[in-house]
PDB file of all heavy atoms in Angstrom:
ATOM      1  N   VAL A   1      -4.319  -0.006   6.277  1.00  0.00           N
ATOM      2  CA  VAL A   1      -3.476   0.833   5.418  1.00  0.00           C
ATOM      3  C   VAL A   1      -2.232   0.036   5.066  1.00  0.00           C
ATOM      4  O   VAL A   1      -1.708  -0.726   5.894  1.00  0.00           O
ATOM      5  CB  VAL A   1      -3.065   2.127   6.190  1.00  0.00           C
ATOM      6  CG1 VAL A   1      -2.038   2.916   5.445  1.00  0.00           C
ATOM      7  CG2 VAL A   1      -4.287   2.976   6.482  1.00  0.00           C
ATOM      8  N   ASN A   2      -1.772   0.214   3.846  1.00  0.00           N
ATOM      9  CA  ASN A   2      -0.458  -0.363   3.457  1.00  0.00           C
ATOM     10  C   ASN A   2       0.566   0.749   3.477  1.00  0.00           C
ATOM     11  O   ASN A   2       0.286   1.896   3.153  1.00  0.00           O
ATOM     12  CB  ASN A   2      -0.503  -0.973   2.051  1.00  0.00           C
ATOM     13  CG  ASN A   2      -1.092  -2.323   2.025  1.00  0.00           C
ATOM     14  OD1 ASN A   2      -1.059  -3.057   3.005  1.00  0.00           O
ATOM     15  ND2 ASN A   2      -1.642  -2.734   0.870  1.00  0.00           N
ATOM     16  N   LYS A   3       1.786   0.408   3.869  1.00  0.00           N
ATOM     17  CA  LYS A   3       2.876   1.354   3.881  1.00  0.00           C
ATOM     18  C   LYS A   3       3.915   0.893   2.854  1.00  0.00           C
ATOM     19  O   LYS A   3       4.244  -0.287   2.804  1.00  0.00           O
ATOM     20  CB  LYS A   3       3.523   1.381   5.284  1.00  0.00           C
ATOM     21  CG  LYS A   3       4.707   2.297   5.388  1.00  0.00           C
ATOM     22  CD  LYS A   3       5.270   2.283   6.828  1.00  0.00           C
ATOM     23  CE  LYS A   3       6.465   3.177   6.921  1.00  0.00           C
ATOM     24  NZ  LYS A   3       7.010   3.158   8.313  1.00  0.00           N
ATOM     25  N   TYR A   4       4.377   1.846   2.057  1.00  0.00           N
ATOM     26  CA  TYR A   4       5.354   1.532   1.013  1.00  0.00           C
ATOM     27  C   TYR A   4       6.582   2.405   1.229  1.00  0.00           C
ATOM     28  O   TYR A   4       6.497   3.614   1.308  1.00  0.00           O
ATOM     29  CB  TYR A   4       4.802   1.807  -0.372  1.00  0.00           C
ATOM     30  CG  TYR A   4       3.552   1.038  -0.679  1.00  0.00           C
ATOM     31  CD1 TYR A   4       2.269   1.614  -0.582  1.00  0.00           C
ATOM     32  CD2 TYR A   4       3.618  -0.311  -1.054  1.00  0.00           C
ATOM     33  CE1 TYR A   4       1.134   0.906  -0.842  1.00  0.00           C
ATOM     34  CE2 TYR A   4       2.487  -1.016  -1.321  1.00  0.00           C
ATOM     35  CZ  TYR A   4       1.244  -0.426  -1.222  1.00  0.00           C
ATOM     36  OH  TYR A   4       0.106  -1.149  -1.486  1.00  0.00           O
ATOM     37  N   ASN A   5       7.765   1.790   1.314  1.00  0.00           N
ATOM     38  CA  ASN A   5       9.036   2.444   1.343  1.00  0.00           C
ATOM     39  C   ASN A   5       9.662   2.143  -0.023  1.00  0.00           C
ATOM     40  O   ASN A   5      10.175   1.056  -0.217  1.00  0.00           O
ATOM     41  CB  ASN A   5       9.928   1.944   2.464  1.00  0.00           C
ATOM     42  CG  ASN A   5       9.395   2.335   3.816  1.00  0.00           C
ATOM     43  OD1 ASN A   5       9.123   3.492   4.082  1.00  0.00           O
ATOM     44  ND2 ASN A   5       9.226   1.341   4.648  1.00  0.00           N
ATOM     45  N   LEU A   6       9.596   3.103  -0.929  1.00  0.00           N
ATOM     46  CA  LEU A   6      10.021   2.843  -2.300  1.00  0.00           C
ATOM     47  C   LEU A   6      11.527   2.900  -2.480  1.00  0.00           C
ATOM     48  O   LEU A   6      12.071   2.140  -3.266  1.00  0.00           O
ATOM     49  CB  LEU A   6       9.297   3.804  -3.230  1.00  0.00           C
ATOM     50  CG  LEU A   6       7.792   3.719  -3.190  1.00  0.00           C
ATOM     51  CD1 LEU A   6       7.173   4.775  -4.038  1.00  0.00           C
ATOM     52  CD2 LEU A   6       7.335   2.345  -3.604  1.00  0.00           C
ATOM     53  N   ASP A   7      12.140   3.836  -1.841  1.00  0.00           N
ATOM     54  CA  ASP A   7      13.611   3.912  -1.936  1.00  0.00           C
ATOM     55  C   ASP A   7      14.126   4.783  -0.784  1.00  0.00           C
ATOM     56  O   ASP A   7      13.332   5.351  -0.024  1.00  0.00           O
ATOM     57  CB  ASP A   7      14.082   4.492  -3.300  1.00  0.00           C
ATOM     58  CG  ASP A   7      13.422   5.864  -3.605  1.00  0.00           C
ATOM     59  OD1 ASP A   7      13.393   6.714  -2.725  1.00  0.00           O
ATOM     60  OD2 ASP A   7      13.003   6.044  -4.737  1.00  0.00           O
ATOM     61  N   SER A   8      15.405   4.869  -0.630  1.00  0.00           N
ATOM     62  CA  SER A   8      15.990   5.591   0.490  1.00  0.00           C
ATOM     63  C   SER A   8      15.862   7.116   0.389  1.00  0.00           C
ATOM     64  O   SER A   8      16.018   7.820   1.363  1.00  0.00           O
ATOM     65  CB  SER A   8      17.442   5.241   0.657  1.00  0.00           C
ATOM     66  OG  SER A   8      18.179   5.605  -0.491  1.00  0.00           O
ATOM     67  N   LYS A   9      15.493   7.638  -0.807  1.00  0.00           N
ATOM     68  CA  LYS A   9      15.393   9.065  -1.004  1.00  0.00           C
ATOM     69  C   LYS A   9      13.981   9.586  -0.818  1.00  0.00           C
ATOM     70  O   LYS A   9      13.763  10.750  -0.583  1.00  0.00           O
ATOM     71  CB  LYS A   9      15.869   9.429  -2.428  1.00  0.00           C
ATOM     72  CG  LYS A   9      17.311   9.166  -2.683  1.00  0.00           C
ATOM     73  CD  LYS A   9      17.691   9.518  -4.084  1.00  0.00           C
ATOM     74  CE  LYS A   9      17.806   8.284  -4.913  1.00  0.00           C
ATOM     75  NZ  LYS A   9      18.037   8.528  -6.316  1.00  0.00           N
ATOM     76  N   SER A  10      12.975   8.710  -0.934  1.00  0.00           N
ATOM     77  CA  SER A  10      11.592   9.140  -0.871  1.00  0.00           C
ATOM     78  C   SER A  10      10.954   8.909   0.471  1.00  0.00           C
ATOM     79  O   SER A  10      11.353   7.965   1.182  1.00  0.00           O
ATOM     80  CB  SER A  10      10.751   8.372  -1.918  1.00  0.00           C
ATOM     81  OG  SER A  10      11.296   8.539  -3.184  1.00  0.00           O
ATOM     82  N   SER A  11      10.006   9.760   0.819  1.00  0.00           N
ATOM     83  CA  SER A  11       9.215   9.496   2.036  1.00  0.00           C
ATOM     84  C   SER A  11       8.356   8.272   1.865  1.00  0.00           C
ATOM     85  O   SER A  11       7.974   7.939   0.742  1.00  0.00           O
ATOM     86  CB  SER A  11       8.287  10.700   2.307  1.00  0.00           C
ATOM     87  OG  SER A  11       9.016  11.863   2.526  1.00  0.00           O
ATOM     88  N   ALA A  12       8.059   7.606   2.948  1.00  0.00           N
ATOM     89  CA  ALA A  12       7.144   6.455   2.870  1.00  0.00           C
ATOM     90  C   ALA A  12       5.794   6.953   2.425  1.00  0.00           C
ATOM     91  O   ALA A  12       5.393   8.083   2.696  1.00  0.00           O
ATOM     92  CB  ALA A  12       7.038   5.796   4.250  1.00  0.00           C
ATOM     93  N   CYS A  13       5.057   6.133   1.677  1.00  0.00           N
ATOM     94  CA  CYS A  13       3.735   6.501   1.330  1.00  0.00           C
ATOM     95  C   CYS A  13       2.770   5.439   1.890  1.00  0.00           C
ATOM     96  O   CYS A  13       3.154   4.303   2.126  1.00  0.00           O
ATOM     97  CB  CYS A  13       3.485   6.731  -0.146  1.00  0.00           C
ATOM     98  SG  CYS A  13       4.518   5.974  -1.317  1.00  0.00           S
ATOM     99  N   TYR A  14       1.537   5.888   2.048  1.00  0.00           N
ATOM    100  CA  TYR A  14       0.512   5.046   2.680  1.00  0.00           C
ATOM    101  C   TYR A  14      -0.668   4.996   1.740  1.00  0.00           C
ATOM    102  O   TYR A  14      -0.951   5.931   1.003  1.00  0.00           O
ATOM    103  CB  TYR A  14       0.078   5.673   4.029  1.00  0.00           C
ATOM    104  CG  TYR A  14       1.216   5.722   5.013  1.00  0.00           C
ATOM    105  CD1 TYR A  14       2.085   6.798   4.995  1.00  0.00           C
ATOM    106  CD2 TYR A  14       1.400   4.718   5.951  1.00  0.00           C
ATOM    107  CE1 TYR A  14       3.163   6.855   5.893  1.00  0.00           C
ATOM    108  CE2 TYR A  14       2.442   4.768   6.847  1.00  0.00           C
ATOM    109  CZ  TYR A  14       3.312   5.859   6.814  1.00  0.00           C
ATOM    110  OH  TYR A  14       4.342   5.899   7.730  1.00  0.00           O
ATOM    111  N   GLU A  15      -1.360   3.863   1.793  1.00  0.00           N
ATOM    112  CA  GLU A  15      -2.538   3.678   0.955  1.00  0.00           C
ATOM    113  C   GLU A  15      -3.617   3.011   1.744  1.00  0.00           C
ATOM    114  O   GLU A  15      -3.389   1.935   2.353  1.00  0.00           O
ATOM    115  CB  GLU A  15      -2.162   2.835  -0.258  1.00  0.00           C
ATOM    116  CG  GLU A  15      -3.316   2.516  -1.143  1.00  0.00           C
ATOM    117  CD  GLU A  15      -2.929   1.524  -2.214  1.00  0.00           C
ATOM    118  OE1 GLU A  15      -1.938   0.804  -2.107  1.00  0.00           O
ATOM    119  OE2 GLU A  15      -3.709   1.452  -3.196  1.00  0.00           O
ATOM    120  N   TYR A  16      -4.812   3.577   1.713  1.00  0.00           N
ATOM    121  CA  TYR A  16      -5.952   2.954   2.375  1.00  0.00           C
ATOM    122  C   TYR A  16      -6.337   1.715   1.594  1.00  0.00           C
ATOM    123  O   TYR A  16      -6.340   1.702   0.355  1.00  0.00           O
ATOM    124  CB  TYR A  16      -7.112   3.964   2.428  1.00  0.00           C
ATOM    125  CG  TYR A  16      -8.386   3.341   3.028  1.00  0.00           C
ATOM    126  CD1 TYR A  16      -8.481   3.182   4.396  1.00  0.00           C
ATOM    127  CD2 TYR A  16      -9.421   2.921   2.208  1.00  0.00           C
ATOM    128  CE1 TYR A  16      -9.594   2.619   4.944  1.00  0.00           C
ATOM    129  CE2 TYR A  16     -10.539   2.336   2.766  1.00  0.00           C
ATOM    130  CZ  TYR A  16     -10.629   2.193   4.131  1.00  0.00           C
ATOM    131  OH  TYR A  16     -11.784   1.634   4.702  1.00  0.00           O
ATOM    132  N   ILE A  17      -6.620   0.635   2.283  1.00  0.00           N
ATOM    133  CA  ILE A  17      -6.985  -0.632   1.663  1.00  0.00           C
ATOM    134  C   ILE A  17      -8.507  -0.742   1.651  1.00  0.00           C
ATOM    135  O   ILE A  17      -9.095  -0.799   2.711  1.00  0.00           O
ATOM    136  CB  ILE A  17      -6.374  -1.833   2.385  1.00  0.00           C
ATOM    137  CG1 ILE A  17      -4.870  -1.678   2.471  1.00  0.00           C
ATOM    138  CG2 ILE A  17      -6.764  -3.121   1.716  1.00  0.00           C
ATOM    139  CD1 ILE A  17      -4.216  -2.662   3.414  1.00  0.00           C
ATOM    140  N   ASP A  18      -9.066  -0.806   0.479  1.00  0.00           N
ATOM    141  CA  ASP A  18     -10.513  -1.055   0.392  1.00  0.00           C
ATOM    142  C   ASP A  18     -10.766  -2.304  -0.438  1.00  0.00           C
ATOM    143  O   ASP A  18      -9.875  -2.754  -1.168  1.00  0.00           O
ATOM    144  CB  ASP A  18     -11.282   0.172  -0.170  1.00  0.00           C
ATOM    145  CG  ASP A  18     -10.964   0.451  -1.618  1.00  0.00           C
ATOM    146  OD1 ASP A  18     -10.263  -0.310  -2.271  1.00  0.00           O
ATOM    147  OD2 ASP A  18     -11.435   1.505  -2.088  1.00  0.00           O
ATOM    148  N   SER A  19     -11.950  -2.887  -0.278  1.00  0.00           N
ATOM    149  CA  SER A  19     -12.214  -4.166  -0.932  1.00  0.00           C
ATOM    150  C   SER A  19     -12.242  -4.086  -2.452  1.00  0.00           C
ATOM    151  O   SER A  19     -12.011  -5.039  -3.114  1.00  0.00           O
ATOM    152  CB  SER A  19     -13.556  -4.713  -0.404  1.00  0.00           C
ATOM    153  OG  SER A  19     -14.592  -3.798  -0.670  1.00  0.00           O
ATOM    154  N   GLU A  20     -12.444  -2.874  -2.968  1.00  0.00           N
ATOM    155  CA  GLU A  20     -12.486  -2.746  -4.438  1.00  0.00           C
ATOM    156  C   GLU A  20     -11.082  -2.879  -5.013  1.00  0.00           C
ATOM    157  O   GLU A  20     -10.867  -3.424  -6.113  1.00  0.00           O
ATOM    158  CB  GLU A  20     -13.025  -1.360  -4.778  1.00  0.00           C
ATOM    159  CG  GLU A  20     -13.172  -1.125  -6.264  1.00  0.00           C
ATOM    160  CD  GLU A  20     -13.757   0.248  -6.593  1.00  0.00           C
ATOM    161  OE1 GLU A  20     -14.609   0.740  -5.820  1.00  0.00           O
ATOM    162  OE2 GLU A  20     -13.354   0.809  -7.594  1.00  0.00           O
ATOM    163  N   HIS A  21     -10.041  -2.376  -4.294  1.00  0.00           N
ATOM    164  CA  HIS A  21      -8.685  -2.401  -4.809  1.00  0.00           C
ATOM    165  C   HIS A  21      -7.864  -3.571  -4.297  1.00  0.00           C
ATOM    166  O   HIS A  21      -6.901  -3.935  -4.913  1.00  0.00           O
ATOM    167  CB  HIS A  21      -7.981  -1.085  -4.447  1.00  0.00           C
ATOM    168  CG  HIS A  21      -8.534   0.072  -5.172  1.00  0.00           C
ATOM    169  ND1 HIS A  21      -9.508   0.864  -4.618  1.00  0.00           N
ATOM    170  CD2 HIS A  21      -8.291   0.597  -6.396  1.00  0.00           C
ATOM    171  CE1 HIS A  21      -9.843   1.812  -5.472  1.00  0.00           C
ATOM    172  NE2 HIS A  21      -9.102   1.668  -6.548  1.00  0.00           N
ATOM    173  N   HIS A  22      -8.246  -4.102  -3.156  1.00  0.00           N
ATOM    174  CA  HIS A  22      -7.476  -5.183  -2.544  1.00  0.00           C
ATOM    175  C   HIS A  22      -8.429  -6.225  -1.996  1.00  0.00           C
ATOM    176  O   HIS A  22      -9.238  -5.929  -1.117  1.00  0.00           O
ATOM    177  CB  HIS A  22      -6.598  -4.635  -1.423  1.00  0.00           C
ATOM    178  CG  HIS A  22      -5.660  -3.623  -1.855  1.00  0.00           C
ATOM    179  ND1 HIS A  22      -4.472  -3.882  -2.473  1.00  0.00           N
ATOM    180  CD2 HIS A  22      -5.735  -2.276  -1.842  1.00  0.00           C
ATOM    181  CE1 HIS A  22      -3.854  -2.786  -2.765  1.00  0.00           C
ATOM    182  NE2 HIS A  22      -4.584  -1.790  -2.413  1.00  0.00           N
ATOM    183  N   MET A  23      -8.311  -7.421  -2.465  1.00  0.00           N
ATOM    184  CA  MET A  23      -9.209  -8.490  -2.046  1.00  0.00           C
ATOM    185  C   MET A  23      -8.747  -9.036  -0.699  1.00  0.00           C
ATOM    186  O   MET A  23      -7.571  -9.409  -0.542  1.00  0.00           O
ATOM    187  CB  MET A  23      -9.261  -9.579  -3.094  1.00  0.00           C
ATOM    188  CG  MET A  23      -9.826  -9.118  -4.409  1.00  0.00           C
ATOM    189  SD  MET A  23      -9.566 -10.262  -5.770  1.00  0.00           S
ATOM    190  CE  MET A  23     -10.111 -11.785  -5.056  1.00  0.00           C
ATOM    191  N   ASP A  24      -9.626  -9.130   0.279  1.00  0.00           N
ATOM    192  CA  ASP A  24      -9.336  -9.674   1.600  1.00  0.00           C
ATOM    193  C   ASP A  24      -8.107  -9.089   2.264  1.00  0.00           C
ATOM    194  O   ASP A  24      -7.398  -9.753   3.008  1.00  0.00           O
ATOM    195  CB  ASP A  24      -9.181 -11.196   1.541  1.00  0.00           C
ATOM    196  CG  ASP A  24     -10.419 -11.880   1.049  1.00  0.00           C
ATOM    197  OD1 ASP A  24     -11.468 -11.221   0.904  1.00  0.00           O
ATOM    198  OD2 ASP A  24     -10.382 -13.061   0.791  1.00  0.00           O
ATOM    199  N   GLY A  25      -7.807  -7.816   1.967  1.00  0.00           N
ATOM    200  CA  GLY A  25      -6.695  -7.149   2.592  1.00  0.00           C
ATOM    201  C   GLY A  25      -5.354  -7.546   2.033  1.00  0.00           C
ATOM    202  O   GLY A  25      -4.324  -7.052   2.448  1.00  0.00           O
ATOM    203  N   ALA A  26      -5.327  -8.506   1.134  1.00  0.00           N
ATOM    204  CA  ALA A  26      -4.053  -8.971   0.563  1.00  0.00           C
ATOM    205  C   ALA A  26      -3.767  -8.191  -0.717  1.00  0.00           C
ATOM    206  O   ALA A  26      -4.501  -8.252  -1.646  1.00  0.00           O
ATOM    207  CB  ALA A  26      -4.133 -10.463   0.277  1.00  0.00           C
ATOM    208  N   CYS A  27      -2.666  -7.511  -0.668  1.00  0.00           N
ATOM    209  CA  CYS A  27      -2.304  -6.675  -1.804  1.00  0.00           C
ATOM    210  C   CYS A  27      -1.643  -7.523  -2.844  1.00  0.00           C
ATOM    211  O   CYS A  27      -0.630  -8.185  -2.566  1.00  0.00           O
ATOM    212  CB  CYS A  27      -1.391  -5.556  -1.406  1.00  0.00           C
ATOM    213  SG  CYS A  27      -0.750  -4.605  -2.774  1.00  0.00           S
ATOM    214  N   SER A  28      -2.151  -7.580  -4.057  1.00  0.00           N
ATOM    215  CA  SER A  28      -1.503  -8.276  -5.133  1.00  0.00           C
ATOM    216  C   SER A  28      -1.133  -7.268  -6.254  1.00  0.00           C
ATOM    217  O   SER A  28      -1.051  -7.650  -7.395  1.00  0.00           O
ATOM    218  CB  SER A  28      -2.376  -9.395  -5.665  1.00  0.00           C
ATOM    219  OG  SER A  28      -3.542  -8.885  -6.233  1.00  0.00           O
ATOM    220  N   CYS A  29      -1.004  -6.038  -5.843  1.00  0.00           N
ATOM    221  CA  CYS A  29      -0.598  -5.063  -6.842  1.00  0.00           C
ATOM    222  C   CYS A  29       0.846  -4.676  -6.674  1.00  0.00           C
ATOM    223  O   CYS A  29       1.380  -4.715  -5.538  1.00  0.00           O
ATOM    224  CB  CYS A  29      -1.525  -3.832  -6.788  1.00  0.00           C
ATOM    225  SG  CYS A  29      -1.002  -2.489  -5.774  1.00  0.00           S
TER     226      CYS A  29
END
């Protein structure tokens, strides 16, 4: 899972990492 802290006002969000969206677990998005 990737964790994103976008700003100090928003809750952290999480994203499941699958091979279709992220190659070898490395996020380039």
